[in-house]
Amino acid sequence: MSNHNAHSNHGHDAHDEGHGSLKSYVFGFVLSIVLTIIPLVVVMNDLMSHDATFVLILIMAVLQFVVQLFFFMHLREEKKPAWNVMALILGLIIVITIVVGSVWIMHNNYMG
């Protein structure tokens, strides 16, 4: 009997966390599409200089990342989001270190 109560409480807790409404999913999806189309249109029509296009793509990528976190991964809806945020920051530090280190190595080994 206690196993049944523990199991039903677990299901109840998972339901209480909430995972966003259809409205928030649709808004996040539309926002993701817009953030994808903007750099695509700029690149396809050559609307900006090379450097400005690169900066625009980076900004849209960061915004896309934020949209994914908040609308689809529900970062803000956790009861204790501090651990998730710390794990996310650690992951970002690792990814940024690998990407920046790789670019630095490729740039310094270029024989042009």
C-alpha atoms as a PDB file:
ATOM      1  CA  MET A   1       0.000   0.000   0.000  1.00  0.00           C
ATOM      2  CA  SER A   2       2.823   2.410   0.813  1.00  0.00           C
ATOM      3  CA  ASN A   3       4.384   1.633  -2.550  1.00  0.00           C
ATOM      4  CA  HIS A   4       1.131   2.672  -4.240  1.00  0.00           C
ATOM      5  CA  ASN A   5       1.054   5.957  -2.286  1.00  0.00           C
ATOM      6  CA  ALA A   6       4.654   6.750  -3.120  1.00  0.00           C
ATOM      7  CA  HIS A   7       4.004   5.970  -6.754  1.00  0.00           C
ATOM      8  CA  SER A   8       0.860   8.098  -6.918  1.00  0.00           C
ATOM      9  CA  ASN A   9       2.578  10.986  -5.110  1.00  0.00           C
ATOM     10  CA  HIS A  10       5.376  10.871  -7.639  1.00  0.00           C
ATOM     11  CA  GLY A  11       2.883  11.132 -10.483  1.00  0.00           C
ATOM     12  CA  HIS A  12       1.118  13.982  -8.719  1.00  0.00           C
ATOM     13  CA  ASP A  13       4.390  15.889  -8.214  1.00  0.00           C
ATOM     14  CA  ALA A  14       5.281  15.516 -11.869  1.00  0.00           C
ATOM     15  CA  HIS A  15       1.867  16.897 -12.812  1.00  0.00           C
ATOM     16  CA  ASP A  16       2.268  19.877 -10.470  1.00  0.00           C
ATOM     17  CA  GLU A  17       5.494  20.983 -12.157  1.00  0.00           C
ATOM     18  CA  GLY A  18       3.634  21.941 -15.321  1.00  0.00           C
ATOM     19  CA  HIS A  19       5.229  21.973 -18.698  1.00  0.00           C
ATOM     20  CA  GLY A  20       3.819  24.965 -20.484  1.00  0.00           C
ATOM     21  CA  SER A  21       0.669  25.545 -22.411  1.00  0.00           C
ATOM     22  CA  LEU A  22      -0.068  25.115 -26.081  1.00  0.00           C
ATOM     23  CA  LYS A  23       0.042  28.911 -26.353  1.00  0.00           C
ATOM     24  CA  SER A  24       3.619  29.059 -25.017  1.00  0.00           C
ATOM     25  CA  TYR A  25       4.731  26.214 -27.300  1.00  0.00           C
ATOM     26  CA  VAL A  26       3.237  27.891 -30.359  1.00  0.00           C
ATOM     27  CA  PHE A  27       4.757  31.255 -29.395  1.00  0.00           C
ATOM     28  CA  GLY A  28       8.175  29.637 -28.861  1.00  0.00           C
ATOM     29  CA  PHE A  29       7.893  27.786 -32.168  1.00  0.00           C
ATOM     30  CA  VAL A  30       6.949  30.923 -34.110  1.00  0.00           C
ATOM     31  CA  LEU A  31       9.749  32.867 -32.401  1.00  0.00           C
ATOM     32  CA  SER A  32      12.212  30.110 -33.336  1.00  0.00           C
ATOM     33  CA  ILE A  33      11.092  30.224 -36.956  1.00  0.00           C
ATOM     34  CA  VAL A  34      11.438  34.023 -37.074  1.00  0.00           C
ATOM     35  CA  LEU A  35      14.907  33.856 -35.504  1.00  0.00           C
ATOM     36  CA  THR A  36      15.880  31.333 -38.176  1.00  0.00           C
ATOM     37  CA  ILE A  37      14.397  33.210 -41.128  1.00  0.00           C
ATOM     38  CA  ILE A  38      16.009  36.593 -40.304  1.00  0.00           C
ATOM     39  CA  PRO A  39      19.631  35.488 -40.859  1.00  0.00           C
ATOM     40  CA  LEU A  40      18.574  33.307 -43.796  1.00  0.00           C
ATOM     41  CA  VAL A  41      17.036  36.294 -45.605  1.00  0.00           C
ATOM     42  CA  VAL A  42      20.068  38.473 -44.823  1.00  0.00           C
ATOM     43  CA  VAL A  43      22.507  35.866 -46.148  1.00  0.00           C
ATOM     44  CA  MET A  44      20.475  34.881 -49.209  1.00  0.00           C
ATOM     45  CA  ASN A  45      19.977  38.515 -50.297  1.00  0.00           C
ATOM     46  CA  ASP A  46      23.437  39.737 -49.262  1.00  0.00           C
ATOM     47  CA  LEU A  47      21.891  42.605 -47.259  1.00  0.00           C
ATOM     48  CA  MET A  48      24.824  43.240 -44.900  1.00  0.00           C
ATOM     49  CA  SER A  49      28.593  43.168 -44.947  1.00  0.00           C
ATOM     50  CA  HIS A  50      30.398  39.944 -44.077  1.00  0.00           C
ATOM     51  CA  ASP A  51      31.233  41.036 -40.519  1.00  0.00           C
ATOM     52  CA  ALA A  52      27.758  42.428 -39.808  1.00  0.00           C
ATOM     53  CA  THR A  53      26.172  39.227 -41.134  1.00  0.00           C
ATOM     54  CA  PHE A  54      28.432  37.163 -38.893  1.00  0.00           C
ATOM     55  CA  VAL A  55      27.442  39.235 -35.846  1.00  0.00           C
ATOM     56  CA  LEU A  56      23.754  38.979 -36.775  1.00  0.00           C
ATOM     57  CA  ILE A  57      23.998  35.196 -37.083  1.00  0.00           C
ATOM     58  CA  LEU A  58      25.699  34.967 -33.669  1.00  0.00           C
ATOM     59  CA  ILE A  59      23.054  37.173 -32.038  1.00  0.00           C
ATOM     60  CA  MET A  60      20.218  35.170 -33.595  1.00  0.00           C
ATOM     61  CA  ALA A  61      21.865  31.928 -32.451  1.00  0.00           C
ATOM     62  CA  VAL A  62      22.088  33.167 -28.858  1.00  0.00           C
ATOM     63  CA  LEU A  63      18.473  34.337 -28.946  1.00  0.00           C
ATOM     64  CA  GLN A  64      17.449  30.984 -30.411  1.00  0.00           C
ATOM     65  CA  PHE A  65      19.268  29.253 -27.540  1.00  0.00           C
ATOM     66  CA  VAL A  66      17.414  31.378 -24.984  1.00  0.00           C
ATOM     67  CA  VAL A  67      14.058  30.685 -26.651  1.00  0.00           C
ATOM     68  CA  GLN A  68      14.756  26.943 -26.591  1.00  0.00           C
ATOM     69  CA  LEU A  69      15.679  27.074 -22.897  1.00  0.00           C
ATOM     70  CA  PHE A  70      12.658  28.995 -21.733  1.00  0.00           C
ATOM     71  CA  PHE A  71       9.888  27.784 -24.031  1.00  0.00           C
ATOM     72  CA  PHE A  72      10.816  24.146 -24.614  1.00  0.00           C
ATOM     73  CA  MET A  73      13.193  23.077 -21.836  1.00  0.00           C
ATOM     74  CA  HIS A  74      11.191  24.940 -19.157  1.00  0.00           C
ATOM     75  CA  LEU A  75      14.217  26.347 -17.363  1.00  0.00           C
ATOM     76  CA  ARG A  76      12.193  28.969 -15.507  1.00  0.00           C
ATOM     77  CA  GLU A  77       9.470  26.570 -14.346  1.00  0.00           C
ATOM     78  CA  GLU A  78      11.587  24.386 -12.058  1.00  0.00           C
ATOM     79  CA  LYS A  79      11.052  24.483  -8.306  1.00  0.00           C
ATOM     80  CA  LYS A  80      14.784  24.850  -7.731  1.00  0.00           C
ATOM     81  CA  PRO A  81      16.267  26.106 -11.004  1.00  0.00           C
ATOM     82  CA  ALA A  82      19.598  27.057  -9.403  1.00  0.00           C
ATOM     83  CA  TRP A  83      21.082  23.584  -9.996  1.00  0.00           C
ATOM     84  CA  ASN A  84      19.891  23.537 -13.580  1.00  0.00           C
ATOM     85  CA  VAL A  85      21.330  26.983 -14.190  1.00  0.00           C
ATOM     86  CA  MET A  86      24.672  26.016 -12.638  1.00  0.00           C
ATOM     87  CA  ALA A  87      24.813  22.841 -14.758  1.00  0.00           C
ATOM     88  CA  LEU A  88      23.928  24.903 -17.829  1.00  0.00           C
ATOM     89  CA  ILE A  89      26.657  27.449 -17.072  1.00  0.00           C
ATOM     90  CA  LEU A  90      29.221  24.678 -16.602  1.00  0.00           C
ATOM     91  CA  GLY A  91      28.168  23.132 -19.911  1.00  0.00           C
ATOM     92  CA  LEU A  92      28.416  26.496 -21.646  1.00  0.00           C
ATOM     93  CA  ILE A  93      31.888  27.099 -20.217  1.00  0.00           C
ATOM     94  CA  ILE A  94      33.032  23.710 -21.501  1.00  0.00           C
ATOM     95  CA  VAL A  95      31.505  24.249 -24.959  1.00  0.00           C
ATOM     96  CA  ILE A  96      32.861  27.797 -25.256  1.00  0.00           C
ATOM     97  CA  THR A  97      36.321  26.617 -24.171  1.00  0.00           C
ATOM     98  CA  ILE A  98      36.320  23.867 -26.788  1.00  0.00           C
ATOM     99  CA  VAL A  99      35.024  26.118 -29.585  1.00  0.00           C
ATOM    100  CA  VAL A 100      37.288  29.090 -28.795  1.00  0.00           C
ATOM    101  CA  GLY A 101      40.282  26.798 -28.294  1.00  0.00           C
ATOM    102  CA  SER A 102      39.624  25.035 -31.587  1.00  0.00           C
ATOM    103  CA  VAL A 103      39.258  28.313 -33.478  1.00  0.00           C
ATOM    104  CA  TRP A 104      42.411  29.664 -31.838  1.00  0.00           C
ATOM    105  CA  ILE A 105      44.382  26.540 -32.781  1.00  0.00           C
ATOM    106  CA  MET A 106      43.074  26.592 -36.366  1.00  0.00           C
ATOM    107  CA  HIS A 107      43.812  30.311 -36.697  1.00  0.00           C
ATOM    108  CA  ASN A 108      47.368  29.990 -35.382  1.00  0.00           C
ATOM    109  CA  ASN A 109      48.132  26.929 -37.516  1.00  0.00           C
ATOM    110  CA  TYR A 110      46.897  28.478 -40.737  1.00  0.00           C
ATOM    111  CA  MET A 111      49.655  28.518 -43.331  1.00  0.00           C
ATOM    112  CA  GLY A 112      48.241  31.165 -45.652  1.00  0.00           C
END
